Amino acid sequence: MADDESKDETRSLAEAVASEDARATVMSVPPRPTDITWRGKNWACNCAVESATGEYLLFIDADVRLAEDAIARALAEAETHNSGLLSCAPAIVCGCFSEWIVQPIMANLIAIGFDFQGVNDMDKPDIALAAGPFMLFNREAYDKIGGHAAVATNPVEDLALAALIKQGGLSLRYVLGLKASTVRMYRSFGDLWEGWTKNYHLGSGRNIALTLVSALAVWLIFVMPWLGLAVSIFATFAKAVTGNLAVALLVISAVAVSLQIALRQTSARVIGLPVRYLWLGWLGGGIVSAIAITSIIKIETGWGWTWRGRSLAD
């Protein structure tokens, strides 16, 4: 475990594990160099690699929980497909209200926005995706692409490393590992807001138009149906519009809300995230749209662009 000046209980918990298992080692990451910029966890990962000797390198976040046979299964999958990088998307765990209303929508956006078959197709080098919480590299492939040093300035290192693997003619493998690993990404609204505003716009390749379109799409899909339903019900009872028009608005809005609920239920079965707070889809959609717009501002200006309190604009 590489401790990059963590201010929570991560180090003490890791040391407790290391004291009982000789295979575990806790190292302190030295201060970051000043000659080049290292963003996110790239410096910590780079330092950890210097102490590693194995044929494979597995990078997992401290908040990832693995099934007993997760690593063995991942290694078997990597060897079967001769993967330069095998990335295993963990099941998302939600523990607070803000996670329940935002994380399912984010998972839907990722599922819709990426061609997962294309990710695993070596003939499509421009389509790359990886899940940062669980990345298993063949050491030779990792060294060939330059490792984390090659993406030192990129805080979304998982996407950047996956792209380098594909560009280097190496095999990229992305799989769902819902039964192999779990992760709780954020434990408060503040953490969730900081984390997603850090990554959202970068995930679109800093394409402002694409990020804005995604924000609008989320608004139309998740917010407008509920808003339309509320307005049409109010208009019906208040007789603010003619009867036929009010009924038409009510029916259209009800159908849109039903489709949204069906989408959430279908995606819940795929991503393994139970359906909860369905009636607050409008709130989650509004927050995600705000995250997208805020992410553009933060990343393009550097204002308030932080992770774990550290500025990413430097």
Protein backbone atom coordinates (compact mmCIF):
# COMPACT_ATOMS: atom_id res chain seq x y z
CA MET A 1 0.00 0.00 0.00
CA ALA A 2 1.36 3.41 -0.98
CA ASP A 3 0.39 6.14 1.47
CA ASP A 4 0.30 9.47 -0.36
CA GLU A 5 -0.05 11.66 2.74
CA SER A 6 -3.57 10.40 3.42
CA LYS A 7 -5.37 12.26 6.18
CA ASP A 8 -7.91 9.58 7.05
CA GLU A 9 -7.43 6.15 8.66
CA THR A 10 -6.16 4.47 5.50
CA ARG A 11 -2.57 4.14 6.69
CA SER A 12 -3.41 2.83 10.16
CA LEU A 13 -5.80 0.26 8.69
CA ALA A 14 -3.17 -0.82 6.16
CA GLU A 15 -0.53 -1.13 8.87
CA ALA A 16 -2.89 -3.30 10.90
CA VAL A 17 -3.22 -5.65 7.94
CA ALA A 18 0.54 -5.64 7.29
CA SER A 19 1.26 -6.53 10.91
CA GLU A 20 -0.69 -9.76 10.47
CA ASP A 21 0.25 -10.62 6.88
CA ALA A 22 3.87 -10.60 5.74
CA ARG A 23 2.78 -10.26 2.11
CA ALA A 24 1.49 -6.74 2.75
CA THR A 25 3.80 -3.73 2.90
CA VAL A 26 3.03 -0.11 3.68
CA MET A 27 5.24 2.55 2.12
CA SER A 28 5.27 6.32 2.47
CA VAL A 29 5.25 8.13 -0.84
CA PRO A 30 8.07 10.73 -0.98
CA PRO A 31 7.28 14.38 -1.78
CA ARG A 32 6.28 15.03 -5.35
CA PRO A 33 8.97 16.34 -7.71
CA THR A 34 8.76 20.02 -8.57
CA ASP A 35 10.24 19.79 -12.05
CA ILE A 36 7.10 18.24 -13.55
CA THR A 37 3.45 18.18 -12.52
CA TRP A 38 2.05 14.97 -11.05
CA ARG A 39 -1.74 14.97 -10.69
CA GLY A 40 -4.06 12.61 -8.88
CA LYS A 41 -2.61 9.30 -7.72
CA ASN A 42 -0.06 8.98 -10.52
CA TRP A 43 2.96 9.81 -8.35
CA ALA A 44 1.95 7.34 -5.66
CA CYS A 45 1.43 4.57 -8.22
CA ASN A 46 4.73 5.36 -9.92
CA CYS A 47 6.59 5.08 -6.61
CA ALA A 48 4.85 1.84 -5.68
CA VAL A 49 5.87 0.24 -8.98
CA GLU A 50 9.54 0.79 -8.15
CA SER A 51 9.17 -1.71 -5.31
CA ALA A 52 7.21 -4.27 -7.31
CA THR A 53 8.91 -7.30 -8.84
CA GLY A 54 6.09 -9.43 -10.23
CA GLU A 55 5.10 -10.24 -13.80
CA TYR A 56 1.79 -8.47 -13.20
CA LEU A 57 0.96 -5.17 -11.53
CA LEU A 58 -2.44 -4.78 -9.88
CA PHE A 59 -3.56 -1.28 -8.95
CA ILE A 60 -6.57 -1.08 -6.66
CA ASP A 61 -7.88 1.80 -4.58
CA ALA A 62 -7.90 1.61 -0.81
CA ASP A 63 -11.70 1.56 -0.72
CA VAL A 64 -12.02 -1.47 -3.02
CA ARG A 65 -13.16 -4.73 -1.44
CA LEU A 66 -12.21 -7.95 -3.20
CA ALA A 67 -13.89 -11.34 -3.24
CA GLU A 68 -11.65 -14.16 -2.02
CA ASP A 69 -10.89 -15.40 -5.55
CA ALA A 70 -10.98 -12.02 -7.34
CA ILE A 71 -7.26 -11.77 -8.09
CA ALA A 72 -6.97 -15.38 -9.21
CA ARG A 73 -9.92 -14.94 -11.56
CA ALA A 74 -8.50 -11.69 -12.91
CA LEU A 75 -5.13 -13.31 -13.60
CA ALA A 76 -6.79 -16.22 -15.39
CA GLU A 77 -8.81 -13.79 -17.51
CA ALA A 78 -5.71 -11.72 -18.34
CA GLU A 79 -3.68 -14.77 -19.34
CA THR A 80 -6.52 -16.22 -21.40
CA HIS A 81 -6.80 -13.03 -23.46
CA ASN A 82 -3.09 -12.10 -23.29
CA SER A 83 -4.13 -8.73 -21.91
CA GLY A 84 -1.72 -5.86 -21.56
CA LEU A 85 -4.33 -4.30 -19.28
CA LEU A 86 -7.31 -6.02 -17.71
CA SER A 87 -9.68 -3.62 -16.01
CA CYS A 88 -12.43 -4.97 -13.80
CA ALA A 89 -15.38 -2.65 -13.14
CA PRO A 90 -16.44 -3.19 -9.53
CA ALA A 91 -19.96 -3.10 -8.18
CA ILE A 92 -20.76 0.35 -6.84
CA VAL A 93 -21.82 0.54 -3.21
CA CYS A 94 -24.01 3.42 -2.09
CA GLY A 95 -24.21 4.37 1.56
CA CYS A 96 -25.53 7.91 1.71
CA PHE A 97 -28.48 9.73 0.18
CA SER A 98 -26.45 11.68 -2.40
CA GLU A 99 -24.83 8.48 -3.67
CA TRP A 100 -28.19 6.79 -4.18
CA ILE A 101 -29.57 9.59 -6.33
CA VAL A 102 -26.42 10.39 -8.34
CA GLN A 103 -24.36 7.21 -8.79
CA PRO A 104 -27.00 5.20 -10.71
CA ILE A 105 -27.32 8.03 -13.23
CA MET A 106 -23.55 8.25 -13.63
CA ALA A 107 -23.39 4.49 -14.18
CA ASN A 108 -26.08 4.81 -16.85
CA LEU A 109 -24.14 7.57 -18.61
CA ILE A 110 -20.99 5.45 -18.70
CA ALA A 111 -22.92 2.44 -19.99
CA ILE A 112 -24.57 4.51 -22.73
CA GLY A 113 -21.53 6.62 -23.60
CA PHE A 114 -19.02 3.85 -24.25
CA ASP A 115 -18.91 1.12 -26.87
CA PHE A 116 -17.89 -1.76 -24.61
CA GLN A 117 -17.47 -4.22 -27.46
CA GLY A 118 -15.22 -1.68 -29.16
CA VAL A 119 -13.14 -1.33 -25.99
CA ASN A 120 -12.18 -5.00 -26.20
CA ASP A 121 -11.61 -4.89 -29.96
CA MET A 122 -7.95 -4.38 -30.89
CA ASP A 123 -9.04 -3.22 -34.35
CA LYS A 124 -10.62 -0.13 -32.75
CA PRO A 125 -7.63 1.69 -31.22
CA ASP A 126 -9.59 4.90 -30.61
CA ILE A 127 -12.04 3.26 -28.20
CA ALA A 128 -10.52 2.77 -24.76
CA LEU A 129 -11.90 2.54 -21.25
CA ALA A 130 -10.66 1.33 -17.88
CA ALA A 131 -11.95 1.36 -14.32
CA GLY A 132 -9.36 3.01 -12.09
CA PRO A 133 -10.25 1.08 -8.91
CA PHE A 134 -9.05 -2.21 -10.45
CA MET A 135 -6.38 -2.30 -13.17
CA LEU A 136 -4.23 -5.37 -13.77
CA PHE A 137 -1.24 -4.74 -16.06
CA ASN A 138 1.17 -7.16 -17.60
CA ARG A 139 4.46 -5.65 -16.39
CA GLU A 140 6.00 -5.73 -19.86
CA ALA A 141 3.03 -3.85 -21.33
CA TYR A 142 3.06 -1.35 -18.48
CA ASP A 143 6.73 -0.57 -19.04
CA LYS A 144 6.23 -0.35 -22.80
CA ILE A 145 3.67 2.45 -22.54
CA GLY A 146 5.73 4.33 -19.93
CA GLY A 147 3.53 3.57 -16.95
CA HIS A 148 2.01 6.29 -14.79
CA ALA A 149 4.90 8.61 -15.65
CA ALA A 150 3.49 8.83 -19.17
CA VAL A 151 0.21 10.23 -17.84
CA ALA A 152 1.61 12.16 -14.90
CA THR A 153 -0.39 15.32 -15.60
CA ASN A 154 -3.69 13.54 -16.22
CA PRO A 155 -5.92 13.08 -13.14
CA VAL A 156 -8.10 10.62 -15.08
CA GLU A 157 -5.22 8.22 -15.45
CA ASP A 158 -7.37 5.13 -16.03
CA LEU A 159 -8.71 6.41 -19.35
CA ALA A 160 -5.30 7.74 -20.36
CA LEU A 161 -3.50 4.47 -19.62
CA ALA A 162 -6.16 2.45 -21.43
CA ALA A 163 -5.72 4.69 -24.48
CA LEU A 164 -1.94 4.16 -24.42
CA ILE A 165 -2.42 0.40 -24.27
CA LYS A 166 -4.62 0.47 -27.36
CA GLN A 167 -2.32 2.91 -29.19
CA GLY A 168 0.64 0.67 -28.43
CA GLY A 169 -1.02 -2.27 -30.18
CA LEU A 170 -1.53 -4.10 -26.89
CA SER A 171 -4.61 -5.98 -25.76
CA LEU A 172 -7.10 -4.09 -23.58
CA ARG A 173 -9.71 -6.09 -21.70
CA TYR A 174 -12.61 -4.46 -19.83
CA VAL A 175 -14.99 -6.67 -17.88
CA LEU A 176 -17.74 -6.30 -15.32
CA GLY A 177 -16.58 -7.66 -11.99
CA LEU A 178 -19.71 -7.11 -9.94
CA LYS A 179 -19.19 -10.35 -8.00
CA ALA A 180 -15.41 -9.96 -7.75
CA SER A 181 -15.05 -6.49 -6.26
CA THR A 182 -17.00 -3.62 -4.78
CA VAL A 183 -16.19 0.03 -4.20
CA ARG A 184 -17.82 2.88 -2.37
CA MET A 185 -16.48 5.88 -4.24
CA TYR A 186 -17.73 8.71 -2.01
CA ARG A 187 -18.98 8.99 1.55
CA SER A 188 -20.55 12.44 1.48
CA PHE A 189 -22.08 14.90 -0.94
CA GLY A 190 -18.95 17.05 -0.68
CA ASP A 191 -16.71 14.16 -1.73
CA LEU A 192 -19.08 13.19 -4.53
CA TRP A 193 -19.24 16.75 -5.85
CA GLU A 194 -15.46 17.19 -5.74
CA GLY A 195 -14.82 13.81 -7.37
CA TRP A 196 -17.25 14.07 -10.27
CA THR A 197 -16.56 17.72 -11.05
CA LYS A 198 -12.89 16.69 -11.22
CA ASN A 199 -13.52 13.95 -13.78
CA TYR A 200 -16.72 14.58 -15.70
CA HIS A 201 -15.49 17.00 -18.35
CA LEU A 202 -12.20 15.12 -18.72
CA GLY A 203 -14.23 11.97 -19.42
CA SER A 204 -15.61 13.67 -22.54
CA GLY A 205 -12.09 14.48 -23.69
CA ARG A 206 -12.50 18.13 -22.64
CA ASN A 207 -15.00 18.50 -25.45
CA ILE A 208 -17.12 21.40 -24.20
CA ALA A 209 -19.91 20.80 -26.71
CA LEU A 210 -20.11 17.10 -25.82
CA THR A 211 -20.17 17.81 -22.09
CA LEU A 212 -22.93 20.39 -22.53
CA VAL A 213 -24.94 18.02 -24.72
CA SER A 214 -24.66 15.32 -22.05
CA ALA A 215 -25.83 17.78 -19.39
CA LEU A 216 -28.82 18.70 -21.57
CA ALA A 217 -29.59 15.03 -22.25
CA VAL A 218 -29.57 14.22 -18.54
CA TRP A 219 -31.86 17.19 -17.91
CA LEU A 220 -34.30 16.11 -20.62
CA ILE A 221 -34.32 12.44 -19.60
CA PHE A 222 -34.33 12.71 -15.82
CA VAL A 223 -35.64 16.16 -14.90
CA MET A 224 -38.14 17.19 -17.54
CA PRO A 225 -40.51 14.19 -17.21
CA TRP A 226 -41.03 14.82 -13.49
CA LEU A 227 -41.26 18.57 -14.02
CA GLY A 228 -43.79 18.04 -16.79
CA LEU A 229 -45.79 15.68 -14.60
CA ALA A 230 -45.90 18.18 -11.75
CA VAL A 231 -46.88 21.06 -14.05
CA SER A 232 -49.56 19.05 -15.84
CA ILE A 233 -51.12 17.88 -12.55
CA PHE A 234 -51.12 21.44 -11.22
CA ALA A 235 -52.59 22.76 -14.48
CA THR A 236 -55.31 20.13 -14.42
CA PHE A 237 -56.47 20.96 -10.93
CA ALA A 238 -56.00 24.69 -11.31
CA LYS A 239 -57.70 24.61 -14.72
CA ALA A 240 -54.90 26.83 -16.02
CA VAL A 241 -55.18 25.24 -19.45
CA THR A 242 -58.01 23.69 -21.41
CA GLY A 243 -59.06 20.20 -20.39
CA ASN A 244 -57.81 18.33 -23.47
CA LEU A 245 -54.42 20.05 -23.40
CA ALA A 246 -54.01 19.35 -19.69
CA VAL A 247 -54.83 15.68 -20.21
CA ALA A 248 -52.40 15.45 -23.13
CA LEU A 249 -49.59 16.99 -21.05
CA LEU A 250 -50.40 14.64 -18.18
CA VAL A 251 -50.33 11.55 -20.41
CA ILE A 252 -47.08 12.53 -22.15
CA SER A 253 -45.38 13.29 -18.84
CA ALA A 254 -46.62 10.06 -17.25
CA VAL A 255 -45.31 8.03 -20.20
CA ALA A 256 -41.92 9.80 -19.99
CA VAL A 257 -41.68 9.12 -16.25
CA SER A 258 -42.63 5.46 -16.83
CA LEU A 259 -39.89 5.11 -19.45
CA GLN A 260 -37.37 6.66 -17.07
CA ILE A 261 -38.34 4.22 -14.33
CA ALA A 262 -38.08 1.30 -16.76
CA LEU A 263 -34.60 2.49 -17.78
CA ARG A 264 -33.50 2.66 -14.14
CA GLN A 265 -34.88 -0.81 -13.42
CA THR A 266 -33.18 -2.33 -16.46
CA SER A 267 -29.84 -0.72 -15.69
CA ALA A 268 -30.12 -1.79 -12.05
CA ARG A 269 -30.10 -5.42 -13.12
CA VAL A 270 -27.00 -4.85 -15.27
CA ILE A 271 -24.88 -2.81 -12.84
CA GLY A 272 -26.07 -4.61 -9.71
CA LEU A 273 -27.18 -1.41 -8.00
CA PRO A 274 -30.60 -1.75 -6.33
CA VAL A 275 -33.30 0.70 -7.35
CA ARG A 276 -33.89 3.30 -4.68
CA TYR A 277 -35.40 6.80 -4.58
CA LEU A 278 -36.84 6.43 -8.08
CA TRP A 279 -39.17 9.34 -7.45
CA LEU A 280 -36.15 11.58 -6.94
CA GLY A 281 -34.76 11.02 -10.42
CA TRP A 282 -35.41 14.70 -11.11
CA LEU A 283 -33.13 15.69 -8.22
CA GLY A 284 -30.34 13.33 -9.25
CA GLY A 285 -30.60 14.49 -12.85
CA GLY A 286 -30.43 18.12 -11.79
CA ILE A 287 -27.33 17.47 -9.72
CA VAL A 288 -25.60 15.57 -12.53
CA SER A 289 -26.37 18.38 -15.01
CA ALA A 290 -24.90 20.87 -12.54
CA ILE A 291 -21.83 18.66 -12.09
CA ALA A 292 -21.25 18.63 -15.85
CA ILE A 293 -21.40 22.42 -16.17
CA THR A 294 -19.30 22.98 -13.04
CA SER A 295 -16.73 20.49 -14.31
CA ILE A 296 -16.27 22.53 -17.48
CA ILE A 297 -15.66 25.66 -15.43
CA LYS A 298 -13.24 23.98 -13.02
CA ILE A 299 -11.17 22.16 -15.62
CA GLU A 300 -11.01 24.92 -18.22
CA THR A 301 -10.23 27.67 -15.68
CA GLY A 302 -8.51 25.72 -12.89
CA TRP A 303 -10.77 27.46 -10.35
CA GLY A 304 -11.66 25.07 -7.54
CA TRP A 305 -10.33 22.07 -9.45
CA THR A 306 -9.20 19.90 -6.55
CA TRP A 307 -9.03 16.35 -5.32
CA ARG A 308 -8.72 15.52 -1.63
CA GLY A 309 -8.17 19.25 -1.08
CA ARG A 310 -5.16 19.40 -3.43
CA SER A 311 -5.25 21.74 -6.39
CA LEU A 312 -5.08 20.05 -9.78
CA ALA A 313 -4.50 23.29 -11.64
CA ASP A 314 -0.85 23.63 -10.65
